[in-house]
Amino acid sequence: MSLPDYSNGEKYWTKYALLTHAIELSLKSFAEYSVAAGKPLGKHVPNHDLTGWYELALQYGFPDQPGVAENIGILNELHLTHYSRYPQQSATPIPGAQSIADTTVYYLISTFTASINSR
């Protein structure tokens, strides 16, 4: 389902909230899958820490792609501070969801799916 990037001239924060949760869940799923497949349990990562979960996924063998870590770093700030649910004025510009969050979510979910369902 496609969600708009903007609604009434404002960023559509619902989309950011959903996409950052999708990132969190896909990374946690990869970690759970990796441990179930015999990888040693990694260091504890706090909930909602997208950067920490991505770094753990890389340690478990998730293939890195240029720009993904940077995108996750930007989205992590929005996710950790609940910015997407409670927007305030930001000192730094926030990139459009389509250019950063959509592509990052698509990469994570498609790569994870391919790694567990290698047909």
PDB file of N, CA and C in Angstrom:
ATOM      1  N   MET A   1       0.838  -1.161   0.000  1.00  0.00           N
ATOM      2  CA  MET A   1       0.000   0.000   0.000  1.00  0.00           C
ATOM      3  C   MET A   1       0.893   1.238   0.000  1.00  0.00           C
ATOM      4  N   SER A   2       0.629   2.132  -0.860  1.00  0.00           N
ATOM      5  CA  SER A   2       1.418   3.340  -0.975  1.00  0.00           C
ATOM      6  C   SER A   2       0.836   4.430  -0.077  1.00  0.00           C
ATOM      7  N   LEU A   3       1.700   5.048   0.713  1.00  0.00           N
ATOM      8  CA  LEU A   3       1.288   6.167   1.556  1.00  0.00           C
ATOM      9  C   LEU A   3       1.921   7.440   1.016  1.00  0.00           C
ATOM     10  N   PRO A   4       1.230   8.557   1.155  1.00  0.00           N
ATOM     11  CA  PRO A   4       1.802   9.810   0.641  1.00  0.00           C
ATOM     12  C   PRO A   4       2.964  10.277   1.514  1.00  0.00           C
ATOM     13  N   ASP A   5       3.894  11.012   0.908  1.00  0.00           N
ATOM     14  CA  ASP A   5       4.988  11.611   1.673  1.00  0.00           C
ATOM     15  C   ASP A   5       4.520  12.860   2.395  1.00  0.00           C
ATOM     16  N   TYR A   6       3.504  13.510   1.838  1.00  0.00           N
ATOM     17  CA  TYR A   6       2.996  14.760   2.417  1.00  0.00           C
ATOM     18  C   TYR A   6       1.480  14.711   2.502  1.00  0.00           C
ATOM     19  N   SER A   7       0.942  15.380   3.504  1.00  0.00           N
ATOM     20  CA  SER A   7      -0.498  15.530   3.652  1.00  0.00           C
ATOM     21  C   SER A   7      -0.758  16.971   4.084  1.00  0.00           C
ATOM     22  N   ASN A   8      -1.554  17.675   3.323  1.00  0.00           N
ATOM     23  CA  ASN A   8      -1.838  19.084   3.593  1.00  0.00           C
ATOM     24  C   ASN A   8      -0.569  19.926   3.698  1.00  0.00           C
ATOM     25  N   GLY A   9       0.400  19.632   2.866  1.00  0.00           N
ATOM     26  CA  GLY A   9       1.638  20.409   2.825  1.00  0.00           C
ATOM     27  C   GLY A   9       2.623  20.086   3.932  1.00  0.00           C
ATOM     28  N   GLU A  10       2.310  19.138   4.816  1.00  0.00           N
ATOM     29  CA  GLU A  10       3.197  18.728   5.907  1.00  0.00           C
ATOM     30  C   GLU A  10       3.698  17.315   5.630  1.00  0.00           C
ATOM     31  N   LYS A  11       4.881  17.000   6.174  1.00  0.00           N
ATOM     32  CA  LYS A  11       5.349  15.618   6.059  1.00  0.00           C
ATOM     33  C   LYS A  11       4.304  14.704   6.692  1.00  0.00           C
ATOM     34  N   TYR A  12       4.082  13.569   6.073  1.00  0.00           N
ATOM     35  CA  TYR A  12       3.105  12.609   6.578  1.00  0.00           C
ATOM     36  C   TYR A  12       3.815  11.701   7.577  1.00  0.00           C
ATOM     37  N   TRP A  13       3.808  12.104   8.850  1.00  0.00           N
ATOM     38  CA  TRP A  13       4.604  11.438   9.877  1.00  0.00           C
ATOM     39  C   TRP A  13       4.177   9.997  10.122  1.00  0.00           C
ATOM     40  N   THR A  14       2.941   9.664   9.820  1.00  0.00           N
ATOM     41  CA  THR A  14       2.486   8.287   9.967  1.00  0.00           C
ATOM     42  C   THR A  14       3.348   7.357   9.123  1.00  0.00           C
ATOM     43  N   LYS A  15       3.695   7.790   7.930  1.00  0.00           N
ATOM     44  CA  LYS A  15       4.532   6.974   7.048  1.00  0.00           C
ATOM     45  C   LYS A  15       5.908   6.754   7.663  1.00  0.00           C
ATOM     46  N   TYR A  16       6.511   7.799   8.220  1.00  0.00           N
ATOM     47  CA  TYR A  16       7.813   7.650   8.863  1.00  0.00           C
ATOM     48  C   TYR A  16       7.729   6.670  10.036  1.00  0.00           C
ATOM     49  N   ALA A  17       6.681   6.799  10.856  1.00  0.00           N
ATOM     50  CA  ALA A  17       6.532   5.906  12.005  1.00  0.00           C
ATOM     51  C   ALA A  17       6.417   4.453  11.552  1.00  0.00           C
ATOM     52  N   LEU A  18       5.607   4.207  10.527  1.00  0.00           N
ATOM     53  CA  LEU A  18       5.442   2.844  10.027  1.00  0.00           C
ATOM     54  C   LEU A  18       6.727   2.305   9.410  1.00  0.00           C
ATOM     55  N   LEU A  19       7.413   3.127   8.645  1.00  0.00           N
ATOM     56  CA  LEU A  19       8.636   2.666   7.994  1.00  0.00           C
ATOM     57  C   LEU A  19       9.758   2.411   8.999  1.00  0.00           C
ATOM     58  N   THR A  20       9.889   3.272  10.010  1.00  0.00           N
ATOM     59  CA  THR A  20      10.954   3.027  10.993  1.00  0.00           C
ATOM     60  C   THR A  20      10.638   1.790  11.831  1.00  0.00           C
ATOM     61  N   HIS A  21       9.375   1.525  12.096  1.00  0.00           N
ATOM     62  CA  HIS A  21       9.016   0.283  12.784  1.00  0.00           C
ATOM     63  C   HIS A  21       9.291  -0.925  11.888  1.00  0.00           C
ATOM     64  N   ALA A  22       9.047  -0.792  10.603  1.00  0.00           N
ATOM     65  CA  ALA A  22       9.354  -1.887   9.675  1.00  0.00           C
ATOM     66  C   ALA A  22      10.854  -2.179   9.668  1.00  0.00           C
ATOM     67  N   ILE A  23      11.665  -1.135   9.714  1.00  0.00           N
ATOM     68  CA  ILE A  23      13.117  -1.329   9.774  1.00  0.00           C
ATOM     69  C   ILE A  23      13.482  -2.065  11.056  1.00  0.00           C
ATOM     70  N   GLU A  24      12.950  -1.595  12.175  1.00  0.00           N
ATOM     71  CA  GLU A  24      13.259  -2.230  13.465  1.00  0.00           C
ATOM     72  C   GLU A  24      12.866  -3.705  13.461  1.00  0.00           C
ATOM     73  N   LEU A  25      11.668  -4.006  12.994  1.00  0.00           N
ATOM     74  CA  LEU A  25      11.199  -5.387  13.005  1.00  0.00           C
ATOM     75  C   LEU A  25      11.981  -6.279  12.044  1.00  0.00           C
ATOM     76  N   SER A  26      12.359  -5.760  10.889  1.00  0.00           N
ATOM     77  CA  SER A  26      13.124  -6.586   9.952  1.00  0.00           C
ATOM     78  C   SER A  26      14.517  -6.892  10.510  1.00  0.00           C
ATOM     79  N   LEU A  27      15.145  -5.920  11.168  1.00  0.00           N
ATOM     80  CA  LEU A  27      16.469  -6.155  11.748  1.00  0.00           C
ATOM     81  C   LEU A  27      16.395  -7.114  12.941  1.00  0.00           C
ATOM     82  N   LYS A  28      15.382  -6.961  13.771  1.00  0.00           N
ATOM     83  CA  LYS A  28      15.210  -7.879  14.897  1.00  0.00           C
ATOM     84  C   LYS A  28      14.923  -9.295  14.397  1.00  0.00           C
ATOM     85  N   SER A  29      14.149  -9.406  13.338  1.00  0.00           N
ATOM     86  CA  SER A  29      13.847 -10.718  12.754  1.00  0.00           C
ATOM     87  C   SER A  29      15.112 -11.378  12.237  1.00  0.00           C
ATOM     88  N   PHE A  30      15.977 -10.598  11.590  1.00  0.00           N
ATOM     89  CA  PHE A  30      17.226 -11.167  11.084  1.00  0.00           C
ATOM     90  C   PHE A  30      18.093 -11.658  12.244  1.00  0.00           C
ATOM     91  N   ALA A  31      18.154 -10.894  13.334  1.00  0.00           N
ATOM     92  CA  ALA A  31      18.938 -11.310  14.499  1.00  0.00           C
ATOM     93  C   ALA A  31      18.363 -12.596  15.100  1.00  0.00           C
ATOM     94  N   GLU A  32      17.056 -12.656  15.256  1.00  0.00           N
ATOM     95  CA  GLU A  32      16.407 -13.859  15.803  1.00  0.00           C
ATOM     96  C   GLU A  32      16.677 -15.067  14.905  1.00  0.00           C
ATOM     97  N   TYR A  33      16.548 -14.863  13.607  1.00  0.00           N
ATOM     98  CA  TYR A  33      16.799 -15.936  12.650  1.00  0.00           C
ATOM     99  C   TYR A  33      18.245 -16.410  12.741  1.00  0.00           C
ATOM    100  N   SER A  34      19.170 -15.480  12.853  1.00  0.00           N
ATOM    101  CA  SER A  34      20.590 -15.823  12.906  1.00  0.00           C
ATOM    102  C   SER A  34      20.923 -16.650  14.141  1.00  0.00           C
ATOM    103  N   VAL A  35      20.394 -16.252  15.287  1.00  0.00           N
ATOM    104  CA  VAL A  35      20.643 -16.997  16.529  1.00  0.00           C
ATOM    105  C   VAL A  35      20.006 -18.384  16.432  1.00  0.00           C
ATOM    106  N   ALA A  36      18.796 -18.456  15.898  1.00  0.00           N
ATOM    107  CA  ALA A  36      18.129 -19.754  15.734  1.00  0.00           C
ATOM    108  C   ALA A  36      18.901 -20.662  14.783  1.00  0.00           C
ATOM    109  N   ALA A  37      19.636 -20.064  13.842  1.00  0.00           N
ATOM    110  CA  ALA A  37      20.416 -20.839  12.872  1.00  0.00           C
ATOM    111  C   ALA A  37      21.802 -21.191  13.412  1.00  0.00           C
ATOM    112  N   GLY A  38      22.081 -20.859  14.688  1.00  0.00           N
ATOM    113  CA  GLY A  38      23.328 -21.288  15.304  1.00  0.00           C
ATOM    114  C   GLY A  38      24.367 -20.211  15.546  1.00  0.00           C
ATOM    115  N   LYS A  39      24.093 -18.974  15.181  1.00  0.00           N
ATOM    116  CA  LYS A  39      25.056 -17.896  15.455  1.00  0.00           C
ATOM    117  C   LYS A  39      25.039 -17.596  16.954  1.00  0.00           C
ATOM    118  N   PRO A  40      26.190 -17.213  17.524  1.00  0.00           N
ATOM    119  CA  PRO A  40      26.206 -16.890  18.954  1.00  0.00           C
ATOM    120  C   PRO A  40      25.380 -15.638  19.240  1.00  0.00           C
ATOM    121  N   LEU A  41      24.793 -15.611  20.410  1.00  0.00           N
ATOM    122  CA  LEU A  41      23.994 -14.473  20.822  1.00  0.00           C
ATOM    123  C   LEU A  41      24.871 -13.227  20.873  1.00  0.00           C
ATOM    124  N   GLY A  42      24.450 -12.171  20.206  1.00  0.00           N
ATOM    125  CA  GLY A  42      25.217 -10.925  20.166  1.00  0.00           C
ATOM    126  C   GLY A  42      24.965 -10.073  21.389  1.00  0.00           C
ATOM    127  N   LYS A  43      25.639  -8.918  21.412  1.00  0.00           N
ATOM    128  CA  LYS A  43      25.457  -8.003  22.541  1.00  0.00           C
ATOM    129  C   LYS A  43      24.024  -7.485  22.568  1.00  0.00           C
ATOM    130  N   HIS A  44      23.583  -7.110  23.752  1.00  0.00           N
ATOM    131  CA  HIS A  44      22.224  -6.595  23.920  1.00  0.00           C
ATOM    132  C   HIS A  44      22.095  -5.252  23.214  1.00  0.00           C
ATOM    133  N   VAL A  45      21.048  -5.111  22.423  1.00  0.00           N
ATOM    134  CA  VAL A  45      20.751  -3.847  21.746  1.00  0.00           C
ATOM    135  C   VAL A  45      19.432  -3.344  22.308  1.00  0.00           C
ATOM    136  N   PRO A  46      19.400  -2.099  22.772  1.00  0.00           N
ATOM    137  CA  PRO A  46      18.132  -1.564  23.290  1.00  0.00           C
ATOM    138  C   PRO A  46      17.062  -1.526  22.195  1.00  0.00           C
ATOM    139  N   ASN A  47      15.822  -1.703  22.622  1.00  0.00           N
ATOM    140  CA  ASN A  47      14.708  -1.579  21.675  1.00  0.00           C
ATOM    141  C   ASN A  47      14.745  -0.217  21.012  1.00  0.00           C
ATOM    142  N   HIS A  48      14.299  -0.146  19.812  1.00  0.00           N
ATOM    143  CA  HIS A  48      14.166   1.074  19.013  1.00  0.00           C
ATOM    144  C   HIS A  48      15.500   1.641  18.522  1.00  0.00           C
ATOM    145  N   ASP A  49      16.626   1.015  18.831  1.00  0.00           N
ATOM    146  CA  ASP A  49      17.935   1.509  18.386  1.00  0.00           C
ATOM    147  C   ASP A  49      18.233   0.908  17.011  1.00  0.00           C
ATOM    148  N   LEU A  50      17.796   1.577  15.969  1.00  0.00           N
ATOM    149  CA  LEU A  50      17.954   1.052  14.609  1.00  0.00           C
ATOM    150  C   LEU A  50      19.424   0.873  14.243  1.00  0.00           C
ATOM    151  N   THR A  51      20.266   1.800  14.643  1.00  0.00           N
ATOM    152  CA  THR A  51      21.697   1.703  14.334  1.00  0.00           C
ATOM    153  C   THR A  51      22.302   0.478  15.015  1.00  0.00           C
ATOM    154  N   GLY A  52      21.974   0.270  16.280  1.00  0.00           N
ATOM    155  CA  GLY A  52      22.482  -0.893  17.008  1.00  0.00           C
ATOM    156  C   GLY A  52      22.024  -2.202  16.398  1.00  0.00           C
ATOM    157  N   TRP A  53      20.753  -2.270  16.012  1.00  0.00           N
ATOM    158  CA  TRP A  53      20.236  -3.495  15.393  1.00  0.00           C
ATOM    159  C   TRP A  53      20.864  -3.727  14.020  1.00  0.00           C
ATOM    160  N   TYR A  54      21.124  -2.652  13.277  1.00  0.00           N
ATOM    161  CA  TYR A  54      21.766  -2.813  11.969  1.00  0.00           C
ATOM    162  C   TYR A  54      23.201  -3.305  12.138  1.00  0.00           C
ATOM    163  N   GLU A  55      23.925  -2.740  13.093  1.00  0.00           N
ATOM    164  CA  GLU A  55      25.298  -3.195  13.346  1.00  0.00           C
ATOM    165  C   GLU A  55      25.320  -4.662  13.766  1.00  0.00           C
ATOM    166  N   LEU A  56      24.352  -5.084  14.590  1.00  0.00           N
ATOM    167  CA  LEU A  56      24.265  -6.486  14.984  1.00  0.00           C
ATOM    168  C   LEU A  56      23.972  -7.363  13.772  1.00  0.00           C
ATOM    169  N   ALA A  57      23.063  -6.926  12.907  1.00  0.00           N
ATOM    170  CA  ALA A  57      22.753  -7.693  11.697  1.00  0.00           C
ATOM    171  C   ALA A  57      23.994  -7.849  10.819  1.00  0.00           C
ATOM    172  N   LEU A  58      24.797  -6.793  10.714  1.00  0.00           N
ATOM    173  CA  LEU A  58      26.038  -6.886   9.931  1.00  0.00           C
ATOM    174  C   LEU A  58      26.976  -7.918  10.541  1.00  0.00           C
ATOM    175  N   GLN A  59      27.054  -7.966  11.871  1.00  0.00           N
ATOM    176  CA  GLN A  59      27.904  -8.961  12.540  1.00  0.00           C
ATOM    177  C   GLN A  59      27.415 -10.378  12.252  1.00  0.00           C
ATOM    178  N   TYR A  60      26.101 -10.523  12.074  1.00  0.00           N
ATOM    179  CA  TYR A  60      25.527 -11.827  11.765  1.00  0.00           C
ATOM    180  C   TYR A  60      25.613 -12.174  10.280  1.00  0.00           C
ATOM    181  N   GLY A  61      26.193 -11.284   9.482  1.00  0.00           N
ATOM    182  CA  GLY A  61      26.388 -11.585   8.073  1.00  0.00           C
ATOM    183  C   GLY A  61      25.420 -10.920   7.123  1.00  0.00           C
ATOM    184  N   PHE A  62      24.612  -9.994   7.614  1.00  0.00           N
ATOM    185  CA  PHE A  62      23.708  -9.269   6.717  1.00  0.00           C
ATOM    186  C   PHE A  62      24.552  -8.458   5.750  1.00  0.00           C
ATOM    187  N   PRO A  63      24.293  -8.548   4.444  1.00  0.00           N
ATOM    188  CA  PRO A  63      25.125  -7.820   3.481  1.00  0.00           C
ATOM    189  C   PRO A  63      24.898  -6.303   3.554  1.00  0.00           C
ATOM    190  N   ASP A  64      25.974  -5.577   3.702  1.00  0.00           N
ATOM    191  CA  ASP A  64      25.905  -4.118   3.765  1.00  0.00           C
ATOM    192  C   ASP A  64      25.763  -3.570   2.351  1.00  0.00           C
ATOM    193  N   GLN A  65      25.156  -2.439   2.240  1.00  0.00           N
ATOM    194  CA  GLN A  65      25.025  -1.748   0.960  1.00  0.00           C
ATOM    195  C   GLN A  65      25.356  -0.290   1.207  1.00  0.00           C
ATOM    196  N   PRO A  66      26.120   0.331   0.306  1.00  0.00           N
ATOM    197  CA  PRO A  66      26.478   1.740   0.515  1.00  0.00           C
ATOM    198  C   PRO A  66      25.250   2.617   0.746  1.00  0.00           C
ATOM    199  N   GLY A  67      25.342   3.458   1.751  1.00  0.00           N
ATOM    200  CA  GLY A  67      24.284   4.399   2.052  1.00  0.00           C
ATOM    201  C   GLY A  67      23.250   3.917   3.050  1.00  0.00           C
ATOM    202  N   VAL A  68      23.126   2.607   3.246  1.00  0.00           N
ATOM    203  CA  VAL A  68      22.094   2.092   4.146  1.00  0.00           C
ATOM    204  C   VAL A  68      22.402   2.489   5.590  1.00  0.00           C
ATOM    205  N   ALA A  69      23.639   2.330   6.028  1.00  0.00           N
ATOM    206  CA  ALA A  69      23.996   2.703   7.407  1.00  0.00           C
ATOM    207  C   ALA A  69      23.742   4.188   7.648  1.00  0.00           C
ATOM    208  N   GLU A  70      24.056   5.014   6.672  1.00  0.00           N
ATOM    209  CA  GLU A  70      23.816   6.454   6.798  1.00  0.00           C
ATOM    210  C   GLU A  70      22.312   6.743   6.890  1.00  0.00           C
ATOM    211  N   ASN A  71      21.524   6.092   6.039  1.00  0.00           N
ATOM    212  CA  ASN A  71      20.069   6.266   6.078  1.00  0.00           C
ATOM    213  C   ASN A  71      19.501   5.838   7.428  1.00  0.00           C
ATOM    214  N   ILE A  72      19.970   4.699   7.911  1.00  0.00           N
ATOM    215  CA  ILE A  72      19.483   4.209   9.195  1.00  0.00           C
ATOM    216  C   ILE A  72      19.889   5.171  10.310  1.00  0.00           C
ATOM    217  N   GLY A  73      21.070   5.750  10.228  1.00  0.00           N
ATOM    218  CA  GLY A  73      21.488   6.732  11.226  1.00  0.00           C
ATOM    219  C   GLY A  73      20.551   7.924  11.283  1.00  0.00           C
ATOM    220  N   ILE A  74      20.134   8.406  10.129  1.00  0.00           N
ATOM    221  CA  ILE A  74      19.199   9.540  10.072  1.00  0.00           C
ATOM    222  C   ILE A  74      17.837   9.128  10.622  1.00  0.00           C
ATOM    223  N   LEU A  75      17.348   7.984  10.180  1.00  0.00           N
ATOM    224  CA  LEU A  75      16.041   7.514  10.625  1.00  0.00           C
ATOM    225  C   LEU A  75      16.054   7.117  12.100  1.00  0.00           C
ATOM    226  N   ASN A  76      17.211   6.673  12.597  1.00  0.00           N
ATOM    227  CA  ASN A  76      17.328   6.281  13.992  1.00  0.00           C
ATOM    228  C   ASN A  76      17.015   7.449  14.922  1.00  0.00           C
ATOM    229  N   GLU A  77      17.503   8.626  14.563  1.00  0.00           N
ATOM    230  CA  GLU A  77      17.226   9.804  15.389  1.00  0.00           C
ATOM    231  C   GLU A  77      15.723  10.072  15.466  1.00  0.00           C
ATOM    232  N   LEU A  78      15.045   9.947  14.342  1.00  0.00           N
ATOM    233  CA  LEU A  78      13.595  10.150  14.324  1.00  0.00           C
ATOM    234  C   LEU A  78      12.877   9.091  15.155  1.00  0.00           C
ATOM    235  N   HIS A  79      13.373   7.866  15.073  1.00  0.00           N
ATOM    236  CA  HIS A  79      12.726   6.740  15.740  1.00  0.00           C
ATOM    237  C   HIS A  79      12.975   6.759  17.250  1.00  0.00           C
ATOM    238  N   LEU A  80      14.226   7.009  17.659  1.00  0.00           N
ATOM    239  CA  LEU A  80      14.555   7.018  19.086  1.00  0.00           C
ATOM    240  C   LEU A  80      13.866   8.144  19.844  1.00  0.00           C
ATOM    241  N   THR A  81      13.759   9.292  19.201  1.00  0.00           N
ATOM    242  CA  THR A  81      13.165  10.450  19.875  1.00  0.00           C
ATOM    243  C   THR A  81      11.658  10.518  19.681  1.00  0.00           C
ATOM    244  N   HIS A  82      11.100   9.559  19.001  1.00  0.00           N
ATOM    245  CA  HIS A  82       9.665   9.540  18.701  1.00  0.00           C
ATOM    246  C   HIS A  82       9.254  10.769  17.892  1.00  0.00           C
ATOM    247  N   TYR A  83      10.215  11.337  17.164  1.00  0.00           N
ATOM    248  CA  TYR A  83       9.970  12.546  16.391  1.00  0.00           C
ATOM    249  C   TYR A  83       8.827  12.347  15.398  1.00  0.00           C
ATOM    250  N   SER A  84       8.787  11.169  14.779  1.00  0.00           N
ATOM    251  CA  SER A  84       7.754  10.937  13.770  1.00  0.00           C
ATOM    252  C   SER A  84       6.357  10.873  14.381  1.00  0.00           C
ATOM    253  N   ARG A  85       6.280  10.561  15.661  1.00  0.00           N
ATOM    254  CA  ARG A  85       4.971  10.542  16.321  1.00  0.00           C
ATOM    255  C   ARG A  85       4.630  11.882  16.957  1.00  0.00           C
ATOM    256  N   TYR A  86       5.660  12.624  17.373  1.00  0.00           N
ATOM    257  CA  TYR A  86       5.460  13.919  18.034  1.00  0.00           C
ATOM    258  C   TYR A  86       6.384  14.952  17.400  1.00  0.00           C
ATOM    259  N   PRO A  87       6.119  15.370  16.162  1.00  0.00           N
ATOM    260  CA  PRO A  87       7.025  16.272  15.450  1.00  0.00           C
ATOM    261  C   PRO A  87       7.215  17.611  16.168  1.00  0.00           C
ATOM    262  N   GLN A  88       8.465  18.101  16.120  1.00  0.00           N
ATOM    263  CA  GLN A  88       8.804  19.426  16.620  1.00  0.00           C
ATOM    264  C   GLN A  88       9.635  20.095  15.537  1.00  0.00           C
ATOM    265  N   GLN A  89      10.097  21.267  15.813  1.00  0.00           N
ATOM    266  CA  GLN A  89      11.009  21.925  14.881  1.00  0.00           C
ATOM    267  C   GLN A  89      12.359  21.208  14.956  1.00  0.00           C
ATOM    268  N   SER A  90      12.945  20.968  13.822  1.00  0.00           N
ATOM    269  CA  SER A  90      14.241  20.296  13.767  1.00  0.00           C
ATOM    270  C   SER A  90      15.293  21.254  13.227  1.00  0.00           C
ATOM    271  N   ALA A  91      16.471  21.186  13.813  1.00  0.00           N
ATOM    272  CA  ALA A  91      17.571  22.040  13.360  1.00  0.00           C
ATOM    273  C   ALA A  91      18.128  21.546  12.023  1.00  0.00           C
ATOM    274  N   THR A  92      17.979  20.262  11.751  1.00  0.00           N
ATOM    275  CA  THR A  92      18.488  19.697  10.511  1.00  0.00           C
ATOM    276  C   THR A  92      17.322  19.314   9.603  1.00  0.00           C
ATOM    277  N   PRO A  93      17.508  19.440   8.307  1.00  0.00           N
ATOM    278  CA  PRO A  93      16.420  19.051   7.399  1.00  0.00           C
ATOM    279  C   PRO A  93      16.201  17.542   7.429  1.00  0.00           C
ATOM    280  N   ILE A  94      14.967  17.146   7.282  1.00  0.00           N
ATOM    281  CA  ILE A  94      14.616  15.728   7.278  1.00  0.00           C
ATOM    282  C   ILE A  94      14.308  15.330   5.852  1.00  0.00           C
ATOM    283  N   PRO A  95      15.045  14.344   5.321  1.00  0.00           N
ATOM    284  CA  PRO A  95      14.815  13.947   3.930  1.00  0.00           C
ATOM    285  C   PRO A  95      13.435  13.336   3.744  1.00  0.00           C
ATOM    286  N   GLY A  96      12.947  13.420   2.532  1.00  0.00           N
ATOM    287  CA  GLY A  96      11.652  12.834   2.209  1.00  0.00           C
ATOM    288  C   GLY A  96      11.655  11.332   2.419  1.00  0.00           C
ATOM    289  N   ALA A  97      10.551  10.804   2.882  1.00  0.00           N
ATOM    290  CA  ALA A  97      10.453   9.377   3.168  1.00  0.00           C
ATOM    291  C   ALA A  97      10.736   8.540   1.936  1.00  0.00           C
ATOM    292  N   GLN A  98      10.282   9.010   0.781  1.00  0.00           N
ATOM    293  CA  GLN A  98      10.459   8.230  -0.439  1.00  0.00           C
ATOM    294  C   GLN A  98      11.938   8.059  -0.779  1.00  0.00           C
ATOM    295  N   SER A  99      12.739   9.086  -0.534  1.00  0.00           N
ATOM    296  CA  SER A  99      14.143   9.027  -0.934  1.00  0.00           C
ATOM    297  C   SER A  99      15.015   8.271   0.048  1.00  0.00           C
ATOM    298  N   ILE A 100      14.577   8.078   1.276  1.00  0.00           N
ATOM    299  CA  ILE A 100      15.448   7.447   2.260  1.00  0.00           C
ATOM    300  C   ILE A 100      14.783   6.253   2.939  1.00  0.00           C
ATOM    301  N   ALA A 101      13.608   6.416   3.486  1.00  0.00           N
ATOM    302  CA  ALA A 101      12.986   5.347   4.261  1.00  0.00           C
ATOM    303  C   ALA A 101      12.448   4.235   3.377  1.00  0.00           C
ATOM    304  N   ASP A 102      11.748   4.574   2.301  1.00  0.00           N
ATOM    305  CA  ASP A 102      11.193   3.550   1.407  1.00  0.00           C
ATOM    306  C   ASP A 102      12.292   2.638   0.875  1.00  0.00           C
ATOM    307  N   THR A 103      13.368   3.227   0.383  1.00  0.00           N
ATOM    308  CA  THR A 103      14.434   2.421  -0.214  1.00  0.00           C
ATOM    309  C   THR A 103      15.156   1.580   0.838  1.00  0.00           C
ATOM    310  N   THR A 104      15.319   2.121   2.036  1.00  0.00           N
ATOM    311  CA  THR A 104      15.995   1.376   3.100  1.00  0.00           C
ATOM    312  C   THR A 104      15.139   0.195   3.547  1.00  0.00           C
ATOM    313  N   VAL A 105      13.856   0.418   3.744  1.00  0.00           N
ATOM    314  CA  VAL A 105      12.951  -0.667   4.142  1.00  0.00           C
ATOM    315  C   VAL A 105      12.922  -1.743   3.061  1.00  0.00           C
ATOM    316  N   TYR A 106      12.803  -1.339   1.824  1.00  0.00           N
ATOM    317  CA  TYR A 106      12.758  -2.312   0.730  1.00  0.00           C
ATOM    318  C   TYR A 106      14.035  -3.157   0.711  1.00  0.00           C
ATOM    319  N   TYR A 107      15.190  -2.515   0.841  1.00  0.00           N
ATOM    320  CA  TYR A 107      16.458  -3.253   0.847  1.00  0.00           C
ATOM    321  C   TYR A 107      16.517  -4.240   2.003  1.00  0.00           C
ATOM    322  N   LEU A 108      16.196  -3.808   3.209  1.00  0.00           N
ATOM    323  CA  LEU A 108      16.288  -4.678   4.377  1.00  0.00           C
ATOM    324  C   LEU A 108      15.353  -5.869   4.275  1.00  0.00           C
ATOM    325  N   ILE A 109      14.104  -5.610   3.947  1.00  0.00           N
ATOM    326  CA  ILE A 109      13.131  -6.704   3.909  1.00  0.00           C
ATOM    327  C   ILE A 109      13.415  -7.666   2.759  1.00  0.00           C
ATOM    328  N   SER A 110      13.753  -7.152   1.593  1.00  0.00           N
ATOM    329  CA  SER A 110      14.021  -8.050   0.460  1.00  0.00           C
ATOM    330  C   SER A 110      15.294  -8.857   0.685  1.00  0.00           C
ATOM    331  N   THR A 111      16.313  -8.267   1.285  1.00  0.00           N
ATOM    332  CA  THR A 111      17.557  -8.997   1.551  1.00  0.00           C
ATOM    333  C   THR A 111      17.345 -10.055   2.616  1.00  0.00           C
ATOM    334  N   PHE A 112      16.621  -9.690   3.684  1.00  0.00           N
ATOM    335  CA  PHE A 112      16.337 -10.658   4.733  1.00  0.00           C
ATOM    336  C   PHE A 112      15.504 -11.820   4.190  1.00  0.00           C
ATOM    337  N   THR A 113      14.483 -11.505   3.412  1.00  0.00           N
ATOM    338  CA  THR A 113      13.636 -12.539   2.837  1.00  0.00           C
ATOM    339  C   THR A 113      14.455 -13.479   1.953  1.00  0.00           C
ATOM    340  N   ALA A 114      15.339 -12.925   1.142  1.00  0.00           N
ATOM    341  CA  ALA A 114      16.180 -13.762   0.278  1.00  0.00           C
ATOM    342  C   ALA A 114      17.122 -14.650   1.086  1.00  0.00           C
ATOM    343  N   SER A 115      17.576 -14.155   2.240  1.00  0.00           N
ATOM    344  CA  SER A 115      18.527 -14.943   3.030  1.00  0.00           C
ATOM    345  C   SER A 115      17.855 -16.122   3.725  1.00  0.00           C
ATOM    346  N   ILE A 116      16.576 -16.005   4.077  1.00  0.00           N
ATOM    347  CA  ILE A 116      15.912 -17.118   4.749  1.00  0.00           C
ATOM    348  C   ILE A 116      15.106 -17.992   3.794  1.00  0.00           C
ATOM    349  N   ASN A 117      14.860 -17.504   2.610  1.00  0.00           N
ATOM    350  CA  ASN A 117      14.052 -18.223   1.634  1.00  0.00           C
ATOM    351  C   ASN A 117      14.806 -18.262   0.321  1.00  0.00           C
ATOM    352  N   SER A 118      15.938 -18.929   0.334  1.00  0.00           N
ATOM    353  CA  SER A 118      16.809 -18.926  -0.871  1.00  0.00           C
ATOM    354  C   SER A 118      16.339 -19.972  -1.864  1.00  0.00           C
ATOM    355  N   ARG A 119      15.422 -19.576  -2.704  1.00  0.00           N
ATOM    356  CA  ARG A 119      14.908 -20.475  -3.768  1.00  0.00           C
ATOM    357  C   ARG A 119      15.671 -20.269  -5.021  1.00  0.00           C
TER     358      ARG A 119
END
